Amino acid sequence: MAGLPNPVPSSSSSAAGSGSRRFNARSALIREVVSSLSTTSLAIKLITLTLVIFYALSFNSGLVVAISVTPGYFWPPHFWIWTALTHCFLEVHFWEVLIDVAIIVLVGKLLEPLWGAIEMVVFFAVVNVGVAVLSSFFYYILYMITFNTELLFEVHIHGRTQDCK
C-alpha cells in the first residue's frame, strides 16, 4: 500500500493550487479569445459588439419578445419583420454569447479572406433571415395541424443557434 498515491489531498494548499491552476487556464483562454478578436476585421468586431449589446438587452423580458421572432407576430396582421434581422443577436445566457463570438471569429477568419467583409455580412443576413422565415412558417404549419396557439405566441426564436424558448 505504500506505493499507491493518496487520492484525497492531505492539506488545503493543494486544493488551492488546483483552483489557481483552473483560474489560470480560464484566464489564458480569455486572453486567447481577446487576442484573436483583436486581429479580426471591423465587421467581425461590430457583430461581436452587437451580440454583447443584445445580451445586455436580454435581461428585459419585454425586449426579448420584441427582438426575437414570435411566429404569431411575424406574419400579417402584426408583421414584426424587424425581428428577422434582430433575433440572431439575442442570447439569454453568457456562455451562448461566448460560443457565438468564437464561432463568428472562426467563420470570419475563413470566409472574409475569400468573400470580403460585405459579402460575409450579406451571407450572415441571408442565412438568419431565411432561418426566421422558415422557422416561423414551420410553426404555422404545426399550428395548422394541432390548433395550439402556444406555438404561435409562446415560442420565441432567437440566437445564433436559433434556440426556441
N, C-alpha and C. Protein backbone atom coordinates (compact mmCIF):
# COMPACT_ATOMS: atom_id res chain seq x y z
N MET A 1 0.80 -1.19 0.00
CA MET A 1 0.00 0.00 0.00
C MET A 1 0.84 1.26 0.00
N ALA A 2 2.09 1.14 0.28
CA ALA A 2 2.94 2.32 0.39
C ALA A 2 3.17 2.96 -0.97
N GLY A 3 3.07 2.20 -2.07
CA GLY A 3 3.36 2.73 -3.39
C GLY A 3 2.17 3.44 -4.05
N LEU A 4 0.97 3.32 -3.48
CA LEU A 4 -0.21 3.93 -4.09
C LEU A 4 -0.34 5.39 -3.66
N PRO A 5 -0.70 6.27 -4.62
CA PRO A 5 -0.87 7.68 -4.24
C PRO A 5 -2.18 7.87 -3.48
N ASN A 6 -2.18 8.85 -2.63
CA ASN A 6 -3.36 9.17 -1.84
C ASN A 6 -4.30 10.02 -2.70
N PRO A 7 -5.55 9.54 -2.98
CA PRO A 7 -6.46 10.32 -3.82
C PRO A 7 -7.03 11.54 -3.11
N VAL A 8 -6.99 11.56 -1.79
CA VAL A 8 -7.53 12.68 -1.03
C VAL A 8 -6.38 13.60 -0.68
N PRO A 9 -6.49 14.90 -1.02
CA PRO A 9 -5.39 15.82 -0.67
C PRO A 9 -5.22 15.91 0.83
N SER A 10 -3.98 15.98 1.25
CA SER A 10 -3.70 16.00 2.68
C SER A 10 -3.80 17.39 3.27
N SER A 11 -3.70 18.42 2.46
CA SER A 11 -3.80 19.77 3.01
C SER A 11 -4.62 20.64 2.06
N SER A 12 -5.05 21.78 2.56
CA SER A 12 -5.87 22.69 1.75
C SER A 12 -5.03 23.44 0.73
N SER A 13 -3.70 23.41 0.89
CA SER A 13 -2.85 24.15 -0.05
C SER A 13 -2.87 23.50 -1.43
N SER A 14 -2.95 22.16 -1.49
CA SER A 14 -3.01 21.51 -2.81
C SER A 14 -4.35 21.78 -3.47
N ALA A 15 -5.41 21.89 -2.70
CA ALA A 15 -6.71 22.23 -3.28
C ALA A 15 -6.71 23.66 -3.79
N ALA A 16 -6.07 24.55 -3.07
CA ALA A 16 -5.97 25.93 -3.52
C ALA A 16 -5.11 26.03 -4.76
N GLY A 17 -4.05 25.23 -4.83
CA GLY A 17 -3.20 25.22 -6.02
C GLY A 17 -3.96 24.73 -7.24
N SER A 18 -4.82 23.73 -7.06
CA SER A 18 -5.64 23.22 -8.16
C SER A 18 -6.62 24.27 -8.64
N GLY A 19 -7.21 25.01 -7.71
CA GLY A 19 -8.13 26.08 -8.09
C GLY A 19 -7.43 27.19 -8.83
N SER A 20 -6.22 27.52 -8.41
CA SER A 20 -5.49 28.59 -9.10
C SER A 20 -5.05 28.14 -10.49
N ARG A 21 -4.75 26.84 -10.66
CA ARG A 21 -4.42 26.35 -12.00
C ARG A 21 -5.62 26.45 -12.92
N ARG A 22 -6.82 26.13 -12.41
CA ARG A 22 -8.03 26.25 -13.22
C ARG A 22 -8.29 27.71 -13.57
N PHE A 23 -8.07 28.61 -12.63
CA PHE A 23 -8.26 30.03 -12.89
C PHE A 23 -7.27 30.52 -13.93
N ASN A 24 -6.02 30.07 -13.83
CA ASN A 24 -5.01 30.46 -14.82
C ASN A 24 -5.37 29.93 -16.20
N ALA A 25 -5.91 28.73 -16.27
CA ALA A 25 -6.31 28.17 -17.56
C ALA A 25 -7.47 28.97 -18.15
N ARG A 26 -8.43 29.36 -17.31
CA ARG A 26 -9.56 30.17 -17.79
C ARG A 26 -9.08 31.53 -18.25
N SER A 27 -8.21 32.16 -17.48
CA SER A 27 -7.73 33.48 -17.89
C SER A 27 -6.89 33.38 -19.16
N ALA A 28 -6.16 32.29 -19.33
CA ALA A 28 -5.41 32.10 -20.57
C ALA A 28 -6.35 31.94 -21.76
N LEU A 29 -7.46 31.24 -21.56
CA LEU A 29 -8.45 31.08 -22.62
C LEU A 29 -9.09 32.42 -22.97
N ILE A 30 -9.41 33.20 -21.96
CA ILE A 30 -10.00 34.53 -22.20
C ILE A 30 -9.00 35.42 -22.93
N ARG A 31 -7.73 35.37 -22.53
CA ARG A 31 -6.70 36.15 -23.22
C ARG A 31 -6.58 35.72 -24.67
N GLU A 32 -6.69 34.43 -24.94
CA GLU A 32 -6.60 33.92 -26.31
C GLU A 32 -7.77 34.39 -27.17
N VAL A 33 -8.98 34.37 -26.60
CA VAL A 33 -10.16 34.85 -27.33
C VAL A 33 -10.04 36.34 -27.61
N VAL A 34 -9.60 37.11 -26.62
CA VAL A 34 -9.46 38.55 -26.81
C VAL A 34 -8.38 38.85 -27.84
N SER A 35 -7.29 38.12 -27.81
CA SER A 35 -6.22 38.38 -28.78
C SER A 35 -6.66 37.99 -30.19
N SER A 36 -7.40 36.90 -30.34
CA SER A 36 -7.87 36.53 -31.68
C SER A 36 -8.95 37.50 -32.15
N LEU A 37 -9.74 38.04 -31.24
CA LEU A 37 -10.74 39.03 -31.62
C LEU A 37 -10.08 40.35 -32.02
N SER A 38 -8.95 40.66 -31.43
CA SER A 38 -8.27 41.92 -31.77
C SER A 38 -7.66 41.88 -33.16
N THR A 39 -7.43 40.70 -33.70
CA THR A 39 -6.85 40.59 -35.05
C THR A 39 -7.91 40.46 -36.13
N THR A 40 -9.19 40.49 -35.77
CA THR A 40 -10.25 40.34 -36.77
C THR A 40 -10.59 41.69 -37.39
N SER A 41 -11.45 41.63 -38.40
CA SER A 41 -11.83 42.85 -39.12
C SER A 41 -12.88 43.64 -38.35
N LEU A 42 -13.18 44.81 -38.88
CA LEU A 42 -14.18 45.68 -38.27
C LEU A 42 -15.56 45.04 -38.31
N ALA A 43 -15.88 44.31 -39.37
CA ALA A 43 -17.20 43.67 -39.48
C ALA A 43 -17.40 42.65 -38.36
N ILE A 44 -16.40 41.84 -38.10
CA ILE A 44 -16.49 40.85 -37.02
C ILE A 44 -16.60 41.54 -35.67
N LYS A 45 -15.85 42.60 -35.48
CA LYS A 45 -15.91 43.33 -34.21
C LYS A 45 -17.29 43.96 -34.00
N LEU A 46 -17.89 44.48 -35.06
CA LEU A 46 -19.23 45.07 -34.94
C LEU A 46 -20.29 44.00 -34.65
N ILE A 47 -20.18 42.85 -35.28
CA ILE A 47 -21.12 41.76 -35.00
C ILE A 47 -20.97 41.32 -33.55
N THR A 48 -19.74 41.22 -33.08
CA THR A 48 -19.50 40.82 -31.69
C THR A 48 -20.03 41.87 -30.72
N LEU A 49 -19.82 43.13 -31.01
CA LEU A 49 -20.34 44.21 -30.16
C LEU A 49 -21.86 44.17 -30.13
N THR A 50 -22.47 43.93 -31.27
CA THR A 50 -23.94 43.82 -31.32
C THR A 50 -24.43 42.65 -30.47
N LEU A 51 -23.73 41.53 -30.51
CA LEU A 51 -24.10 40.39 -29.66
C LEU A 51 -24.05 40.76 -28.18
N VAL A 52 -23.02 41.45 -27.78
CA VAL A 52 -22.88 41.83 -26.36
C VAL A 52 -23.97 42.81 -25.96
N ILE A 53 -24.28 43.77 -26.82
CA ILE A 53 -25.34 44.74 -26.51
C ILE A 53 -26.69 44.05 -26.39
N PHE A 54 -26.98 43.14 -27.32
CA PHE A 54 -28.26 42.44 -27.27
C PHE A 54 -28.33 41.49 -26.08
N TYR A 55 -27.17 40.94 -25.64
CA TYR A 55 -27.17 40.14 -24.42
C TYR A 55 -27.58 41.00 -23.23
N ALA A 56 -27.09 42.23 -23.18
CA ALA A 56 -27.48 43.14 -22.11
C ALA A 56 -28.98 43.45 -22.18
N LEU A 57 -29.52 43.54 -23.39
CA LEU A 57 -30.96 43.79 -23.54
C LEU A 57 -31.81 42.58 -23.15
N SER A 58 -31.20 41.40 -23.13
CA SER A 58 -31.97 40.18 -22.84
C SER A 58 -32.47 40.11 -21.41
N PHE A 59 -31.99 40.98 -20.54
CA PHE A 59 -32.45 40.97 -19.16
C PHE A 59 -33.84 41.60 -19.02
N ASN A 60 -34.32 42.24 -20.06
CA ASN A 60 -35.67 42.81 -20.08
C ASN A 60 -36.57 41.86 -20.89
N SER A 61 -37.51 41.21 -20.23
CA SER A 61 -38.33 40.20 -20.91
C SER A 61 -39.21 40.79 -22.00
N GLY A 62 -39.62 42.04 -21.86
CA GLY A 62 -40.41 42.69 -22.90
C GLY A 62 -39.60 42.89 -24.17
N LEU A 63 -38.31 43.20 -24.01
CA LEU A 63 -37.45 43.36 -25.18
C LEU A 63 -37.14 42.02 -25.84
N VAL A 64 -37.10 40.96 -25.05
CA VAL A 64 -36.87 39.63 -25.63
C VAL A 64 -37.99 39.30 -26.61
N VAL A 65 -39.23 39.60 -26.25
CA VAL A 65 -40.36 39.35 -27.14
C VAL A 65 -40.27 40.25 -28.37
N ALA A 66 -39.87 41.49 -28.18
CA ALA A 66 -39.82 42.44 -29.30
C ALA A 66 -38.66 42.18 -30.24
N ILE A 67 -37.60 41.54 -29.77
CA ILE A 67 -36.41 41.31 -30.59
C ILE A 67 -36.41 39.92 -31.22
N SER A 68 -36.96 38.92 -30.53
CA SER A 68 -36.95 37.56 -31.05
C SER A 68 -38.14 37.35 -31.99
N VAL A 69 -38.02 36.33 -32.82
CA VAL A 69 -39.10 36.00 -33.77
C VAL A 69 -40.17 35.23 -33.02
N THR A 70 -41.36 35.80 -32.95
CA THR A 70 -42.53 35.12 -32.42
C THR A 70 -43.43 34.83 -33.62
N PRO A 71 -43.64 33.56 -33.96
CA PRO A 71 -44.33 33.23 -35.21
C PRO A 71 -45.68 33.92 -35.39
N GLY A 72 -46.44 34.10 -34.33
CA GLY A 72 -47.74 34.74 -34.45
C GLY A 72 -47.66 36.23 -34.74
N TYR A 73 -46.53 36.85 -34.44
CA TYR A 73 -46.35 38.27 -34.70
C TYR A 73 -45.52 38.54 -35.96
N PHE A 74 -44.90 37.51 -36.51
CA PHE A 74 -44.01 37.70 -37.65
C PHE A 74 -44.78 37.95 -38.95
N TRP A 75 -45.87 37.23 -39.13
CA TRP A 75 -46.68 37.36 -40.34
C TRP A 75 -47.82 38.35 -40.11
N PRO A 76 -48.50 38.82 -41.18
CA PRO A 76 -49.64 39.74 -41.01
C PRO A 76 -50.71 39.12 -40.13
N PRO A 77 -51.42 39.89 -39.37
CA PRO A 77 -51.58 41.34 -39.39
C PRO A 77 -50.54 42.10 -38.57
N HIS A 78 -49.76 41.44 -37.75
CA HIS A 78 -48.80 42.16 -36.91
C HIS A 78 -47.55 42.55 -37.70
N PHE A 79 -46.97 41.61 -38.41
CA PHE A 79 -45.86 41.83 -39.34
C PHE A 79 -44.65 42.47 -38.67
N TRP A 80 -44.12 41.82 -37.64
CA TRP A 80 -42.92 42.29 -36.95
C TRP A 80 -41.70 41.83 -37.76
N ILE A 81 -41.48 42.42 -38.91
CA ILE A 81 -40.46 41.97 -39.84
C ILE A 81 -39.03 42.27 -39.35
N TRP A 82 -38.86 43.28 -38.50
CA TRP A 82 -37.52 43.61 -38.00
C TRP A 82 -36.94 42.46 -37.18
N THR A 83 -37.79 41.61 -36.64
CA THR A 83 -37.28 40.51 -35.82
C THR A 83 -36.49 39.51 -36.66
N ALA A 84 -36.70 39.50 -37.98
CA ALA A 84 -35.91 38.62 -38.85
C ALA A 84 -34.44 39.03 -38.84
N LEU A 85 -34.17 40.30 -38.58
CA LEU A 85 -32.79 40.78 -38.54
C LEU A 85 -32.21 40.83 -37.13
N THR A 86 -33.06 40.91 -36.12
CA THR A 86 -32.56 41.08 -34.75
C THR A 86 -32.49 39.79 -33.95
N HIS A 87 -33.26 38.77 -34.32
CA HIS A 87 -33.33 37.57 -33.48
C HIS A 87 -32.00 36.85 -33.35
N CYS A 88 -31.16 36.93 -34.36
CA CYS A 88 -29.90 36.19 -34.33
C CYS A 88 -28.90 36.77 -33.35
N PHE A 89 -29.08 38.00 -32.92
CA PHE A 89 -28.14 38.63 -31.99
C PHE A 89 -28.56 38.46 -30.52
N LEU A 90 -29.73 37.93 -30.28
CA LEU A 90 -30.25 37.84 -28.92
C LEU A 90 -29.89 36.49 -28.30
N GLU A 91 -29.10 36.54 -27.27
CA GLU A 91 -28.76 35.35 -26.47
C GLU A 91 -29.12 35.63 -25.02
N VAL A 92 -29.62 34.64 -24.31
CA VAL A 92 -30.05 34.85 -22.94
C VAL A 92 -29.08 34.25 -21.92
N HIS A 93 -28.04 33.58 -22.38
CA HIS A 93 -27.02 33.02 -21.48
C HIS A 93 -25.66 33.53 -21.92
N PHE A 94 -24.80 33.83 -20.96
CA PHE A 94 -23.49 34.37 -21.28
C PHE A 94 -22.63 33.35 -22.02
N TRP A 95 -22.75 32.08 -21.66
CA TRP A 95 -21.94 31.07 -22.34
C TRP A 95 -22.33 30.95 -23.81
N GLU A 96 -23.60 31.23 -24.16
CA GLU A 96 -24.01 31.23 -25.56
C GLU A 96 -23.35 32.38 -26.31
N VAL A 97 -23.19 33.52 -25.63
CA VAL A 97 -22.51 34.66 -26.24
C VAL A 97 -21.06 34.30 -26.52
N LEU A 98 -20.40 33.65 -25.57
CA LEU A 98 -19.01 33.26 -25.77
C LEU A 98 -18.86 32.28 -26.94
N ILE A 99 -19.77 31.31 -27.03
CA ILE A 99 -19.73 30.37 -28.14
C ILE A 99 -19.97 31.09 -29.46
N ASP A 100 -20.93 32.01 -29.47
CA ASP A 100 -21.23 32.76 -30.69
C ASP A 100 -20.03 33.59 -31.14
N VAL A 101 -19.37 34.23 -30.19
CA VAL A 101 -18.19 35.04 -30.53
C VAL A 101 -17.10 34.15 -31.11
N ALA A 102 -16.86 33.01 -30.49
CA ALA A 102 -15.83 32.10 -31.00
C ALA A 102 -16.17 31.62 -32.41
N ILE A 103 -17.43 31.28 -32.65
CA ILE A 103 -17.83 30.80 -33.97
C ILE A 103 -17.74 31.92 -35.00
N ILE A 104 -18.17 33.12 -34.64
CA ILE A 104 -18.10 34.24 -35.58
C ILE A 104 -16.65 34.56 -35.93
N VAL A 105 -15.77 34.53 -34.96
CA VAL A 105 -14.36 34.80 -35.22
C VAL A 105 -13.80 33.73 -36.16
N LEU A 106 -14.10 32.47 -35.88
CA LEU A 106 -13.56 31.39 -36.72
C LEU A 106 -14.13 31.44 -38.13
N VAL A 107 -15.44 31.61 -38.25
CA VAL A 107 -16.06 31.67 -39.57
C VAL A 107 -15.60 32.92 -40.31
N GLY A 108 -15.47 34.02 -39.59
CA GLY A 108 -14.98 35.24 -40.21
C GLY A 108 -13.58 35.10 -40.76
N LYS A 109 -12.72 34.39 -40.01
CA LYS A 109 -11.35 34.19 -40.49
C LYS A 109 -11.31 33.28 -41.72
N LEU A 110 -12.32 32.42 -41.87
CA LEU A 110 -12.37 31.56 -43.05
C LEU A 110 -13.02 32.24 -44.24
N LEU A 111 -14.16 32.90 -44.02
CA LEU A 111 -14.94 33.45 -45.12
C LEU A 111 -14.47 34.82 -45.60
N GLU A 112 -14.03 35.65 -44.69
CA GLU A 112 -13.71 37.02 -45.06
C GLU A 112 -12.56 37.12 -46.07
N PRO A 113 -11.50 36.34 -45.94
CA PRO A 113 -10.46 36.42 -46.98
C PRO A 113 -10.96 35.96 -48.36
N LEU A 114 -11.91 35.05 -48.37
CA LEU A 114 -12.42 34.55 -49.64
C LEU A 114 -13.46 35.48 -50.26
N TRP A 115 -14.37 36.01 -49.46
CA TRP A 115 -15.51 36.77 -49.96
C TRP A 115 -15.39 38.27 -49.74
N GLY A 116 -14.72 38.67 -48.71
CA GLY A 116 -14.69 40.07 -48.32
C GLY A 116 -15.70 40.31 -47.20
N ALA A 117 -15.58 41.45 -46.55
CA ALA A 117 -16.41 41.75 -45.38
C ALA A 117 -17.87 41.94 -45.75
N ILE A 118 -18.14 42.67 -46.83
CA ILE A 118 -19.53 42.95 -47.21
C ILE A 118 -20.27 41.66 -47.56
N GLU A 119 -19.65 40.82 -48.38
CA GLU A 119 -20.29 39.57 -48.78
C GLU A 119 -20.51 38.64 -47.59
N MET A 120 -19.57 38.66 -46.63
CA MET A 120 -19.73 37.82 -45.45
C MET A 120 -20.92 38.30 -44.60
N VAL A 121 -21.05 39.61 -44.43
CA VAL A 121 -22.18 40.16 -43.67
C VAL A 121 -23.50 39.88 -44.40
N VAL A 122 -23.49 39.99 -45.72
CA VAL A 122 -24.69 39.66 -46.51
C VAL A 122 -25.03 38.18 -46.34
N PHE A 123 -24.01 37.32 -46.33
CA PHE A 123 -24.23 35.89 -46.10
C PHE A 123 -24.88 35.65 -44.74
N PHE A 124 -24.35 36.27 -43.69
CA PHE A 124 -24.94 36.13 -42.36
C PHE A 124 -26.39 36.60 -42.36
N ALA A 125 -26.66 37.73 -43.02
CA ALA A 125 -28.02 38.28 -43.04
C ALA A 125 -28.97 37.35 -43.78
N VAL A 126 -28.55 36.84 -44.93
CA VAL A 126 -29.42 35.96 -45.72
C VAL A 126 -29.73 34.67 -44.96
N VAL A 127 -28.72 34.11 -44.33
CA VAL A 127 -28.93 32.88 -43.57
C VAL A 127 -29.88 33.12 -42.40
N ASN A 128 -29.68 34.21 -41.66
CA ASN A 128 -30.51 34.45 -40.48
C ASN A 128 -31.93 34.87 -40.84
N VAL A 129 -32.11 35.65 -41.91
CA VAL A 129 -33.47 35.98 -42.36
C VAL A 129 -34.16 34.71 -42.86
N GLY A 130 -33.43 33.87 -43.57
CA GLY A 130 -34.00 32.60 -44.01
C GLY A 130 -34.43 31.71 -42.86
N VAL A 131 -33.63 31.68 -41.82
CA VAL A 131 -33.99 30.90 -40.63
C VAL A 131 -35.25 31.46 -39.99
N ALA A 132 -35.37 32.77 -39.92
CA ALA A 132 -36.56 33.39 -39.32
C ALA A 132 -37.81 33.05 -40.12
N VAL A 133 -37.74 33.18 -41.43
CA VAL A 133 -38.90 32.91 -42.28
C VAL A 133 -39.28 31.43 -42.22
N LEU A 134 -38.31 30.56 -42.40
CA LEU A 134 -38.61 29.12 -42.39
C LEU A 134 -39.08 28.63 -41.03
N SER A 135 -38.48 29.13 -39.96
CA SER A 135 -38.89 28.71 -38.62
C SER A 135 -40.31 29.15 -38.31
N SER A 136 -40.63 30.40 -38.61
CA SER A 136 -41.99 30.86 -38.33
C SER A 136 -43.00 30.15 -39.22
N PHE A 137 -42.63 29.87 -40.47
CA PHE A 137 -43.52 29.11 -41.36
C PHE A 137 -43.74 27.70 -40.81
N PHE A 138 -42.67 27.07 -40.29
CA PHE A 138 -42.78 25.75 -39.70
C PHE A 138 -43.74 25.76 -38.51
N TYR A 139 -43.66 26.79 -37.67
CA TYR A 139 -44.57 26.87 -36.53
C TYR A 139 -46.00 27.13 -36.96
N TYR A 140 -46.20 27.85 -38.06
CA TYR A 140 -47.55 28.00 -38.61
C TYR A 140 -48.10 26.65 -39.08
N ILE A 141 -47.27 25.86 -39.73
CA ILE A 141 -47.69 24.52 -40.16
C ILE A 141 -48.06 23.67 -38.94
N LEU A 142 -47.23 23.71 -37.90
CA LEU A 142 -47.55 22.97 -36.67
C LEU A 142 -48.85 23.45 -36.06
N TYR A 143 -49.08 24.77 -36.10
CA TYR A 143 -50.33 25.31 -35.57
C TYR A 143 -51.52 24.79 -36.38
N MET A 144 -51.38 24.74 -37.70
CA MET A 144 -52.48 24.26 -38.54
C MET A 144 -52.79 22.79 -38.29
N ILE A 145 -51.80 22.04 -37.87
CA ILE A 145 -52.02 20.62 -37.57
C ILE A 145 -52.63 20.44 -36.19
N THR A 146 -52.14 21.21 -35.20
CA THR A 146 -52.54 20.98 -33.81
C THR A 146 -53.55 21.99 -33.26
N PHE A 147 -53.69 23.16 -33.88
CA PHE A 147 -54.53 24.26 -33.39
C PHE A 147 -54.13 24.71 -31.98
N ASN A 148 -52.86 24.60 -31.69
CA ASN A 148 -52.30 25.02 -30.40
C ASN A 148 -51.74 26.43 -30.56
N THR A 149 -52.42 27.42 -29.98
CA THR A 149 -51.98 28.81 -30.15
C THR A 149 -50.67 29.12 -29.43
N GLU A 150 -50.27 28.27 -28.50
CA GLU A 150 -48.97 28.48 -27.84
C GLU A 150 -47.83 28.39 -28.85
N LEU A 151 -48.00 27.63 -29.91
CA LEU A 151 -46.97 27.53 -30.94
C LEU A 151 -46.78 28.85 -31.67
N LEU A 152 -47.79 29.68 -31.68
CA LEU A 152 -47.70 30.96 -32.37
C LEU A 152 -47.22 32.10 -31.47
N PHE A 153 -47.63 32.07 -30.20
CA PHE A 153 -47.39 33.24 -29.36
C PHE A 153 -46.50 32.99 -28.15
N GLU A 154 -46.20 31.76 -27.83
CA GLU A 154 -45.34 31.47 -26.68
C GLU A 154 -43.94 31.03 -27.09
N VAL A 155 -43.72 30.80 -28.37
CA VAL A 155 -42.41 30.39 -28.87
C VAL A 155 -41.67 31.63 -29.33
N HIS A 156 -40.43 31.79 -28.84
CA HIS A 156 -39.59 32.93 -29.23
C HIS A 156 -38.29 32.38 -29.79
N ILE A 157 -38.07 32.58 -31.07
CA ILE A 157 -36.90 32.05 -31.75
C ILE A 157 -35.81 33.11 -31.70
N HIS A 158 -34.64 32.74 -31.18
CA HIS A 158 -33.56 33.72 -31.04
C HIS A 158 -32.23 33.02 -30.99
N GLY A 159 -31.18 33.77 -31.17
CA GLY A 159 -29.82 33.27 -31.03
C GLY A 159 -29.20 32.79 -32.31
N ARG A 160 -27.90 32.72 -32.31
CA ARG A 160 -27.18 32.22 -33.47
C ARG A 160 -27.43 30.73 -33.64
N THR A 161 -27.69 30.04 -32.56
CA THR A 161 -28.02 28.62 -32.66
C THR A 161 -29.50 28.41 -32.87
N GLN A 162 -30.24 29.52 -32.98
CA GLN A 162 -31.68 29.53 -33.24
C GLN A 162 -32.45 28.73 -32.19
N ASP A 163 -32.24 29.11 -30.94
CA ASP A 163 -32.95 28.48 -29.83
C ASP A 163 -34.41 28.90 -29.84
N CYS A 164 -35.26 28.00 -29.42
CA CYS A 164 -36.68 28.32 -29.26
C CYS A 164 -37.01 28.19 -27.79
N LYS A 165 -37.44 29.27 -27.20
CA LYS A 165 -37.76 29.24 -25.77
C LYS A 165 -39.13 29.82 -25.56
